[in-house]
Structures are given as C-alpha cells and as structure tokens.
C-alpha cells in the first residue's frame, strides 16, 4: 500500500532527519559531507525552501527547513 505524502505548506517549518541502517556511518570522510551539502543547496533552490539549520553527524543528519514556495508532493521522486 503506497504511503500518502503530505502537502507541504508555504511558510511552514519542517524537521527532516535520517540515520544510517543499524546506526552505521553514512559519512565516511570529509568529501561525503561536502557532497551532501552541495545536494542540500541544489535541492533547496529547486524546491523553494530555506535551510534554517543543519547538523551532519557520522551516522545521521538533521535539517530544519522552511518551505517558501508552493510545493506539490508529486514533485518528489
């Protein structure tokens, strides 16, 4: 059964987080952190949200974002 994705609302803040399977590291070296930061920048522009805060740790990450523009859940992969 497919999961229904939420409709994101402009001006709303979201806490996005993820962790490596079995709490294993997802960032092996500094280049991994830089790669993810570049992706965050790219997609924040594409999906019209502002990064308020972020924290990248060896086995997980947190993002605090504000949705600035209109966004349809159907745009997600």
Protein backbone atom coordinates (compact mmCIF):
# COMPACT_ATOMS: atom_id res chain seq x y z
CA UNK A 1 0.00 0.00 0.00
CA UNK A 2 1.60 3.32 -1.04
CA UNK A 3 2.25 5.93 1.62
CA UNK A 4 0.42 9.21 1.06
CA UNK A 5 2.91 12.07 1.00
CA UNK A 6 1.96 15.26 2.80
CA UNK A 7 1.15 18.53 1.10
CA UNK A 8 3.86 20.95 2.20
CA UNK A 9 2.62 24.40 3.16
CA UNK A 10 4.48 27.66 2.37
CA UNK A 11 5.83 29.37 5.49
CA UNK A 12 5.85 26.12 7.46
CA UNK A 13 8.94 24.69 9.16
CA UNK A 14 9.93 21.03 8.86
CA UNK A 15 12.44 18.89 10.74
CA UNK A 16 13.97 16.38 8.33
CA UNK A 17 16.24 13.65 9.61
CA UNK A 18 17.63 10.27 8.69
CA UNK A 19 20.03 7.75 10.16
CA UNK A 20 22.25 5.04 8.73
CA UNK A 21 20.96 1.47 8.90
CA UNK A 22 21.90 -0.20 12.18
CA UNK A 23 23.37 3.17 13.26
CA UNK A 24 26.29 2.68 10.86
CA UNK A 25 28.16 5.68 9.47
CA UNK A 26 26.77 7.33 6.37
CA UNK A 27 29.64 9.82 6.11
CA UNK A 28 32.98 8.07 5.69
CA UNK A 29 35.18 11.11 5.00
CA UNK A 30 35.04 14.89 4.56
CA UNK A 31 34.18 14.60 0.86
CA UNK A 32 30.94 12.80 1.81
CA UNK A 33 29.89 15.77 3.96
CA UNK A 34 30.68 18.21 1.15
CA UNK A 35 28.74 16.11 -1.36
CA UNK A 36 25.63 16.17 0.85
CA UNK A 37 25.94 19.90 1.49
CA UNK A 38 26.08 20.53 -2.27
CA UNK A 39 22.97 18.38 -2.77
CA UNK A 40 21.14 20.20 0.02
CA UNK A 41 21.95 23.54 -1.61
CA UNK A 42 20.82 22.32 -5.03
CA UNK A 43 17.51 20.89 -3.86
CA UNK A 44 16.71 23.77 -1.51
CA UNK A 45 16.80 26.04 -4.57
CA UNK A 46 14.83 23.61 -6.74
CA UNK A 47 12.07 23.03 -4.17
CA UNK A 48 11.98 26.59 -2.82
CA UNK A 49 12.89 26.06 0.79
CA UNK A 50 15.31 27.80 3.10
CA UNK A 51 17.75 25.88 5.26
CA UNK A 52 17.38 27.32 8.77
CA UNK A 53 19.81 24.93 10.45
CA UNK A 54 21.54 21.64 9.75
CA UNK A 55 23.66 19.13 11.60
CA UNK A 56 25.59 16.38 9.83
CA UNK A 57 26.98 13.65 12.08
CA UNK A 58 28.80 10.46 11.13
CA UNK A 59 25.70 8.25 11.33
CA UNK A 60 22.79 10.68 10.87
CA UNK A 61 21.71 14.19 9.94
CA UNK A 62 19.10 16.80 10.82
CA UNK A 63 17.75 19.65 8.70
CA UNK A 64 15.43 22.42 9.80
CA UNK A 65 13.85 23.89 6.68
CA UNK A 66 11.15 26.42 5.88
CA UNK A 67 9.01 25.85 2.82
CA UNK A 68 8.97 29.19 0.98
CA UNK A 69 7.16 28.49 -2.29
CA UNK A 70 4.33 26.36 -3.48
CA UNK A 71 5.18 22.69 -3.46
CA UNK A 72 3.31 19.66 -4.66
CA UNK A 73 4.10 16.27 -3.15
CA UNK A 74 4.01 14.83 -6.66
CA UNK A 75 7.35 16.56 -7.36
CA UNK A 76 9.08 14.14 -5.01
CA UNK A 77 10.87 11.18 -6.59
